[in-house]
Amino acid sequence: MNEEIVNKGVTEDYIWHEAKSIRTKLKSVQSELEEFVSTMSQRNKDNRAVIAKLYAENFQMNQEIKDLKEKSNGPTT
């Protein structure tokens, strides 16, 4: 098969050149993907922090509502 490729005008040097070119492109894509994953990971952490804060605020507000209901249902004089 190698002889067939060479006979068609494709040299081993050309194949190595193309392989190196593909490797360079793959490394670039890998770098972009790693940056994307890092960004998404940070966003995930930020979102989880916001959610935790919202849960805490929700709990506090529910507690205040419960306290207000208890006060309004208590004895009136």
PDB file of N, CA and C in Angstrom:
ATOM      1  N   MET A   1       0.819  -1.188   0.000  1.00  0.00           N
ATOM      2  CA  MET A   1       0.000   0.000   0.000  1.00  0.00           C
ATOM      3  C   MET A   1       0.864   1.253   0.000  1.00  0.00           C
ATOM      4  N   ASN A   2       1.988   1.239   0.729  1.00  0.00           N
ATOM      5  CA  ASN A   2       2.879   2.400   0.754  1.00  0.00           C
ATOM      6  C   ASN A   2       3.367   2.743  -0.646  1.00  0.00           C
ATOM      7  N   GLU A   3       3.678   1.725  -1.420  1.00  0.00           N
ATOM      8  CA  GLU A   3       4.146   1.958  -2.788  1.00  0.00           C
ATOM      9  C   GLU A   3       3.036   2.589  -3.626  1.00  0.00           C
ATOM     10  N   GLU A   4       1.826   2.161  -3.381  1.00  0.00           N
ATOM     11  CA  GLU A   4       0.689   2.706  -4.121  1.00  0.00           C
ATOM     12  C   GLU A   4       0.531   4.205  -3.835  1.00  0.00           C
ATOM     13  N   ILE A   5       0.688   4.588  -2.564  1.00  0.00           N
ATOM     14  CA  ILE A   5       0.583   5.998  -2.192  1.00  0.00           C
ATOM     15  C   ILE A   5       1.701   6.794  -2.837  1.00  0.00           C
ATOM     16  N   VAL A   6       2.917   6.278  -2.777  1.00  0.00           N
ATOM     17  CA  VAL A   6       4.063   6.971  -3.371  1.00  0.00           C
ATOM     18  C   VAL A   6       3.870   7.109  -4.880  1.00  0.00           C
ATOM     19  N   ASN A   7       3.360   6.073  -5.495  1.00  0.00           N
ATOM     20  CA  ASN A   7       3.120   6.123  -6.937  1.00  0.00           C
ATOM     21  C   ASN A   7       2.097   7.189  -7.307  1.00  0.00           C
ATOM     22  N   LYS A   8       1.206   7.505  -6.409  1.00  0.00           N
ATOM     23  CA  LYS A   8       0.193   8.524  -6.685  1.00  0.00           C
ATOM     24  C   LYS A   8       0.723   9.926  -6.393  1.00  0.00           C
ATOM     25  N   GLY A   9       1.947  10.056  -5.998  1.00  0.00           N
ATOM     26  CA  GLY A   9       2.552  11.364  -5.790  1.00  0.00           C
ATOM     27  C   GLY A   9       2.534  11.839  -4.349  1.00  0.00           C
ATOM     28  N   VAL A  10       2.122  11.017  -3.433  1.00  0.00           N
ATOM     29  CA  VAL A  10       2.118  11.382  -2.021  1.00  0.00           C
ATOM     30  C   VAL A  10       3.386  10.824  -1.403  1.00  0.00           C
ATOM     31  N   THR A  11       4.228  11.717  -0.918  1.00  0.00           N
ATOM     32  CA  THR A  11       5.498  11.269  -0.356  1.00  0.00           C
ATOM     33  C   THR A  11       5.390  11.106   1.151  1.00  0.00           C
ATOM     34  N   GLU A  12       6.350  10.398   1.706  1.00  0.00           N
ATOM     35  CA  GLU A  12       6.386  10.206   3.155  1.00  0.00           C
ATOM     36  C   GLU A  12       6.571  11.551   3.866  1.00  0.00           C
ATOM     37  N   ASP A  13       7.385  12.428   3.283  1.00  0.00           N
ATOM     38  CA  ASP A  13       7.564  13.764   3.873  1.00  0.00           C
ATOM     39  C   ASP A  13       6.251  14.526   3.932  1.00  0.00           C
ATOM     40  N   TYR A  14       5.454  14.409   2.872  1.00  0.00           N
ATOM     41  CA  TYR A  14       4.151  15.079   2.851  1.00  0.00           C
ATOM     42  C   TYR A  14       3.242  14.515   3.935  1.00  0.00           C
ATOM     43  N   ILE A  15       3.248  13.219   4.087  1.00  0.00           N
ATOM     44  CA  ILE A  15       2.422  12.581   5.118  1.00  0.00           C
ATOM     45  C   ILE A  15       2.857  13.051   6.501  1.00  0.00           C
ATOM     46  N   TRP A  16       4.163  13.119   6.738  1.00  0.00           N
ATOM     47  CA  TRP A  16       4.648  13.601   8.035  1.00  0.00           C
ATOM     48  C   TRP A  16       4.274  15.062   8.250  1.00  0.00           C
ATOM     49  N   HIS A  17       4.370  15.851   7.180  1.00  0.00           N
ATOM     50  CA  HIS A  17       3.970  17.255   7.271  1.00  0.00           C
ATOM     51  C   HIS A  17       2.486  17.367   7.663  1.00  0.00           C
ATOM     52  N   GLU A  18       1.649  16.591   7.021  1.00  0.00           N
ATOM     53  CA  GLU A  18       0.210  16.609   7.326  1.00  0.00           C
ATOM     54  C   GLU A  18      -0.048  16.119   8.752  1.00  0.00           C
ATOM     55  N   ALA A  19       0.673  15.088   9.173  1.00  0.00           N
ATOM     56  CA  ALA A  19       0.513  14.560  10.534  1.00  0.00           C
ATOM     57  C   ALA A  19       0.881  15.619  11.563  1.00  0.00           C
ATOM     58  N   LYS A  20       1.978  16.326  11.315  1.00  0.00           N
ATOM     59  CA  LYS A  20       2.389  17.386  12.241  1.00  0.00           C
ATOM     60  C   LYS A  20       1.370  18.519  12.256  1.00  0.00           C
ATOM     61  N   SER A  21       0.824  18.832  11.100  1.00  0.00           N
ATOM     62  CA  SER A  21      -0.194  19.875  11.003  1.00  0.00           C
ATOM     63  C   SER A  21      -1.442  19.478  11.794  1.00  0.00           C
ATOM     64  N   ILE A  22      -1.850  18.248  11.648  1.00  0.00           N
ATOM     65  CA  ILE A  22      -3.016  17.752  12.380  1.00  0.00           C
ATOM     66  C   ILE A  22      -2.736  17.751  13.880  1.00  0.00           C
ATOM     67  N   ARG A  23      -1.536  17.341  14.268  1.00  0.00           N
ATOM     68  CA  ARG A  23      -1.169  17.343  15.687  1.00  0.00           C
ATOM     69  C   ARG A  23      -1.243  18.753  16.262  1.00  0.00           C
ATOM     70  N   THR A  24      -0.745  19.732  15.516  1.00  0.00           N
ATOM     71  CA  THR A  24      -0.786  21.124  15.966  1.00  0.00           C
ATOM     72  C   THR A  24      -2.229  21.591  16.145  1.00  0.00           C
ATOM     73  N   LYS A  25      -3.086  21.261  15.186  1.00  0.00           N
ATOM     74  CA  LYS A  25      -4.495  21.635  15.274  1.00  0.00           C
ATOM     75  C   LYS A  25      -5.163  20.973  16.476  1.00  0.00           C
ATOM     76  N   LEU A  26      -4.843  19.693  16.696  1.00  0.00           N
ATOM     77  CA  LEU A  26      -5.424  18.976  17.830  1.00  0.00           C
ATOM     78  C   LEU A  26      -4.978  19.583  19.161  1.00  0.00           C
ATOM     79  N   LYS A  27      -3.719  19.972  19.252  1.00  0.00           N
ATOM     80  CA  LYS A  27      -3.224  20.604  20.470  1.00  0.00           C
ATOM     81  C   LYS A  27      -3.939  21.922  20.716  1.00  0.00           C
ATOM     82  N   SER A  28      -4.200  22.667  19.647  1.00  0.00           N
ATOM     83  CA  SER A  28      -4.912  23.930  19.760  1.00  0.00           C
ATOM     84  C   SER A  28      -6.341  23.694  20.258  1.00  0.00           C
ATOM     85  N   VAL A  29      -6.999  22.713  19.676  1.00  0.00           N
ATOM     86  CA  VAL A  29      -8.358  22.382  20.089  1.00  0.00           C
ATOM     87  C   VAL A  29      -8.365  21.901  21.538  1.00  0.00           C
ATOM     88  N   GLN A  30      -7.376  21.102  21.905  1.00  0.00           N
ATOM     89  CA  GLN A  30      -7.278  20.614  23.274  1.00  0.00           C
ATOM     90  C   GLN A  30      -7.122  21.785  24.238  1.00  0.00           C
ATOM     91  N   SER A  31      -6.291  22.736  23.885  1.00  0.00           N
ATOM     92  CA  SER A  31      -6.080  23.910  24.731  1.00  0.00           C
ATOM     93  C   SER A  31      -7.381  24.699  24.887  1.00  0.00           C
ATOM     94  N   GLU A  32      -8.095  24.888  23.785  1.00  0.00           N
ATOM     95  CA  GLU A  32      -9.371  25.599  23.847  1.00  0.00           C
ATOM     96  C   GLU A  32     -10.378  24.838  24.705  1.00  0.00           C
ATOM     97  N   LEU A  33     -10.400  23.526  24.568  1.00  0.00           N
ATOM     98  CA  LEU A  33     -11.318  22.706  25.345  1.00  0.00           C
ATOM     99  C   LEU A  33     -10.981  22.772  26.833  1.00  0.00           C
ATOM    100  N   GLU A  34      -9.704  22.721  27.167  1.00  0.00           N
ATOM    101  CA  GLU A  34      -9.299  22.820  28.570  1.00  0.00           C
ATOM    102  C   GLU A  34      -9.704  24.164  29.153  1.00  0.00           C
ATOM    103  N   GLU A  35      -9.558  25.231  28.375  1.00  0.00           N
ATOM    104  CA  GLU A  35      -9.972  26.559  28.833  1.00  0.00           C
ATOM    105  C   GLU A  35     -11.484  26.596  29.044  1.00  0.00           C
ATOM    106  N   PHE A  36     -12.231  26.012  28.125  1.00  0.00           N
ATOM    107  CA  PHE A  36     -13.684  25.958  28.232  1.00  0.00           C
ATOM    108  C   PHE A  36     -14.106  25.188  29.489  1.00  0.00           C
ATOM    109  N   VAL A  37     -13.495  24.036  29.708  1.00  0.00           N
ATOM    110  CA  VAL A  37     -13.827  23.215  30.877  1.00  0.00           C
ATOM    111  C   VAL A  37     -13.507  23.977  32.163  1.00  0.00           C
ATOM    112  N   SER A  38     -12.388  24.664  32.177  1.00  0.00           N
ATOM    113  CA  SER A  38     -12.013  25.456  33.346  1.00  0.00           C
ATOM    114  C   SER A  38     -13.034  26.564  33.601  1.00  0.00           C
ATOM    115  N   THR A  39     -13.451  27.246  32.544  1.00  0.00           N
ATOM    116  CA  THR A  39     -14.451  28.311  32.676  1.00  0.00           C
ATOM    117  C   THR A  39     -15.765  27.745  33.189  1.00  0.00           C
ATOM    118  N   MET A  40     -16.190  26.637  32.621  1.00  0.00           N
ATOM    119  CA  MET A  40     -17.457  26.026  33.048  1.00  0.00           C
ATOM    120  C   MET A  40     -17.372  25.536  34.493  1.00  0.00           C
ATOM    121  N   SER A  41     -16.233  25.041  34.887  1.00  0.00           N
ATOM    122  CA  SER A  41     -16.042  24.593  36.263  1.00  0.00           C
ATOM    123  C   SER A  41     -16.163  25.767  37.231  1.00  0.00           C
ATOM    124  N   GLN A  42     -15.559  26.890  36.873  1.00  0.00           N
ATOM    125  CA  GLN A  42     -15.648  28.080  37.725  1.00  0.00           C
ATOM    126  C   GLN A  42     -17.086  28.596  37.777  1.00  0.00           C
ATOM    127  N   ARG A  43     -17.758  28.596  36.656  1.00  0.00           N
ATOM    128  CA  ARG A  43     -19.164  29.027  36.639  1.00  0.00           C
ATOM    129  C   ARG A  43     -20.009  28.114  37.504  1.00  0.00           C
ATOM    130  N   ASN A  44     -19.728  26.808  37.451  1.00  0.00           N
ATOM    131  CA  ASN A  44     -20.460  25.857  38.274  1.00  0.00           C
ATOM    132  C   ASN A  44     -20.270  26.176  39.756  1.00  0.00           C
ATOM    133  N   LYS A  45     -19.033  26.461  40.156  1.00  0.00           N
ATOM    134  CA  LYS A  45     -18.759  26.811  41.554  1.00  0.00           C
ATOM    135  C   LYS A  45     -19.495  28.090  41.934  1.00  0.00           C
ATOM    136  N   ASP A  46     -19.439  29.097  41.041  1.00  0.00           N
ATOM    137  CA  ASP A  46     -20.126  30.359  41.309  1.00  0.00           C
ATOM    138  C   ASP A  46     -21.630  30.145  41.432  1.00  0.00           C
ATOM    139  N   ASN A  47     -22.198  29.356  40.527  1.00  0.00           N
ATOM    140  CA  ASN A  47     -23.636  29.089  40.560  1.00  0.00           C
ATOM    141  C   ASN A  47     -24.038  28.357  41.842  1.00  0.00           C
ATOM    142  N   ARG A  48     -23.216  27.418  42.254  1.00  0.00           N
ATOM    143  CA  ARG A  48     -23.522  26.693  43.492  1.00  0.00           C
ATOM    144  C   ARG A  48     -23.488  27.627  44.706  1.00  0.00           C
ATOM    145  N   ALA A  49     -22.561  28.577  44.686  1.00  0.00           N
ATOM    146  CA  ALA A  49     -22.494  29.545  45.784  1.00  0.00           C
ATOM    147  C   ALA A  49     -23.737  30.419  45.797  1.00  0.00           C
ATOM    148  N   VAL A  50     -24.187  30.851  44.637  1.00  0.00           N
ATOM    149  CA  VAL A  50     -25.400  31.664  44.551  1.00  0.00           C
ATOM    150  C   VAL A  50     -26.611  30.858  45.029  1.00  0.00           C
ATOM    151  N   ILE A  51     -26.698  29.613  44.601  1.00  0.00           N
ATOM    152  CA  ILE A  51     -27.815  28.761  45.020  1.00  0.00           C
ATOM    153  C   ILE A  51     -27.809  28.572  46.536  1.00  0.00           C
ATOM    154  N   ALA A  52     -26.649  28.331  47.110  1.00  0.00           N
ATOM    155  CA  ALA A  52     -26.552  28.167  48.567  1.00  0.00           C
ATOM    156  C   ALA A  52     -27.015  29.442  49.277  1.00  0.00           C
ATOM    157  N   LYS A  53     -26.611  30.589  48.758  1.00  0.00           N
ATOM    158  CA  LYS A  53     -27.033  31.866  49.346  1.00  0.00           C
ATOM    159  C   LYS A  53     -28.544  32.030  49.244  1.00  0.00           C
ATOM    160  N   LEU A  54     -29.118  31.696  48.098  1.00  0.00           N
ATOM    161  CA  LEU A  54     -30.562  31.813  47.910  1.00  0.00           C
ATOM    162  C   LEU A  54     -31.328  30.866  48.840  1.00  0.00           C
ATOM    163  N   TYR A  55     -30.812  29.649  49.007  1.00  0.00           N
ATOM    164  CA  TYR A  55     -31.445  28.715  49.945  1.00  0.00           C
ATOM    165  C   TYR A  55     -31.418  29.283  51.364  1.00  0.00           C
ATOM    166  N   ALA A  56     -30.294  29.862  51.749  1.00  0.00           N
ATOM    167  CA  ALA A  56     -30.183  30.434  53.094  1.00  0.00           C
ATOM    168  C   ALA A  56     -31.164  31.595  53.260  1.00  0.00           C
ATOM    169  N   GLU A  57     -31.254  32.459  52.256  1.00  0.00           N
ATOM    170  CA  GLU A  57     -32.205  33.571  52.318  1.00  0.00           C
ATOM    171  C   GLU A  57     -33.638  33.055  52.364  1.00  0.00           C
ATOM    172  N   ASN A  58     -33.922  32.034  51.582  1.00  0.00           N
ATOM    173  CA  ASN A  58     -35.260  31.452  51.569  1.00  0.00           C
ATOM    174  C   ASN A  58     -35.606  30.870  52.941  1.00  0.00           C
ATOM    175  N   PHE A  59     -34.669  30.154  53.534  1.00  0.00           N
ATOM    176  CA  PHE A  59     -34.891  29.587  54.859  1.00  0.00           C
ATOM    177  C   PHE A  59     -35.172  30.692  55.872  1.00  0.00           C
ATOM    178  N   GLN A  60     -34.366  31.764  55.807  1.00  0.00           N
ATOM    179  CA  GLN A  60     -34.541  32.873  56.741  1.00  0.00           C
ATOM    180  C   GLN A  60     -35.905  33.531  56.541  1.00  0.00           C
ATOM    181  N   MET A  61     -36.306  33.758  55.320  1.00  0.00           N
ATOM    182  CA  MET A  61     -37.600  34.381  55.049  1.00  0.00           C
ATOM    183  C   MET A  61     -38.756  33.485  55.502  1.00  0.00           C
ATOM    184  N   ASN A  62     -38.634  32.184  55.273  1.00  0.00           N
ATOM    185  CA  ASN A  62     -39.670  31.253  55.736  1.00  0.00           C
ATOM    186  C   ASN A  62     -39.767  31.266  57.259  1.00  0.00           C
ATOM    187  N   GLN A  63     -38.631  31.380  57.908  1.00  0.00           N
ATOM    188  CA  GLN A  63     -38.628  31.440  59.373  1.00  0.00           C
ATOM    189  C   GLN A  63     -39.309  32.725  59.844  1.00  0.00           C
ATOM    190  N   GLU A  64     -39.018  33.840  59.166  1.00  0.00           N
ATOM    191  CA  GLU A  64     -39.658  35.107  59.530  1.00  0.00           C
ATOM    192  C   GLU A  64     -41.163  35.045  59.311  1.00  0.00           C
ATOM    193  N   ILE A  65     -41.599  34.417  58.214  1.00  0.00           N
ATOM    194  CA  ILE A  65     -43.028  34.257  57.953  1.00  0.00           C
ATOM    195  C   ILE A  65     -43.671  33.415  59.042  1.00  0.00           C
ATOM    196  N   LYS A  66     -43.005  32.344  59.421  1.00  0.00           N
ATOM    197  CA  LYS A  66     -43.524  31.464  60.473  1.00  0.00           C
ATOM    198  C   LYS A  66     -43.651  32.244  61.785  1.00  0.00           C
ATOM    199  N   ASP A  67     -42.627  33.032  62.109  1.00  0.00           N
ATOM    200  CA  ASP A  67     -42.663  33.828  63.343  1.00  0.00           C
ATOM    201  C   ASP A  67     -43.790  34.851  63.313  1.00  0.00           C
ATOM    202  N   LEU A  68     -43.995  35.493  62.160  1.00  0.00           N
ATOM    203  CA  LEU A  68     -45.069  36.478  62.030  1.00  0.00           C
ATOM    204  C   LEU A  68     -46.438  35.819  62.159  1.00  0.00           C
ATOM    205  N   LYS A  69     -46.593  34.642  61.585  1.00  0.00           N
ATOM    206  CA  LYS A  69     -47.864  33.916  61.703  1.00  0.00           C
ATOM    207  C   LYS A  69     -48.132  33.544  63.161  1.00  0.00           C
ATOM    208  N   GLU A  70     -47.093  33.088  63.846  1.00  0.00           N
ATOM    209  CA  GLU A  70     -47.251  32.724  65.257  1.00  0.00           C
ATOM    210  C   GLU A  70     -47.627  33.945  66.078  1.00  0.00           C
ATOM    211  N   LYS A  71     -47.004  35.086  65.789  1.00  0.00           N
ATOM    212  CA  LYS A  71     -47.340  36.312  66.503  1.00  0.00           C
ATOM    213  C   LYS A  71     -48.786  36.728  66.237  1.00  0.00           C
ATOM    214  N   SER A  72     -49.211  36.636  64.992  1.00  0.00           N
ATOM    215  CA  SER A  72     -50.555  37.081  64.651  1.00  0.00           C
ATOM    216  C   SER A  72     -51.617  36.130  65.176  1.00  0.00           C
ATOM    217  N   ASN A  73     -51.285  34.886  65.421  1.00  0.00           N
ATOM    218  CA  ASN A  73     -52.228  33.917  65.958  1.00  0.00           C
ATOM    219  C   ASN A  73     -52.188  33.844  67.488  1.00  0.00           C
ATOM    220  N   GLY A  74     -51.266  34.581  68.083  1.00  0.00           N
ATOM    221  CA  GLY A  74     -51.128  34.559  69.547  1.00  0.00           C
ATOM    222  C   GLY A  74     -52.246  35.318  70.228  1.00  0.00           C
ATOM    223  N   PRO A  75     -52.223  35.301  71.539  1.00  0.00           N
ATOM    224  CA  PRO A  75     -53.275  35.993  72.297  1.00  0.00           C
ATOM    225  C   PRO A  75     -53.238  37.490  72.051  1.00  0.00           C
ATOM    226  N   THR A  76     -54.394  38.054  71.908  1.00  0.00           N
ATOM    227  CA  THR A  76     -54.507  39.510  71.748  1.00  0.00           C
ATOM    228  C   THR A  76     -55.221  40.079  72.937  1.00  0.00           C
ATOM    229  N   THR A  77     -54.706  41.115  73.531  1.00  0.00           N
ATOM    230  CA  THR A  77     -55.345  41.737  74.705  1.00  0.00           C
ATOM    231  C   THR A  77     -55.507  43.209  74.487  1.00  0.00           C
TER     232      THR A  77
END
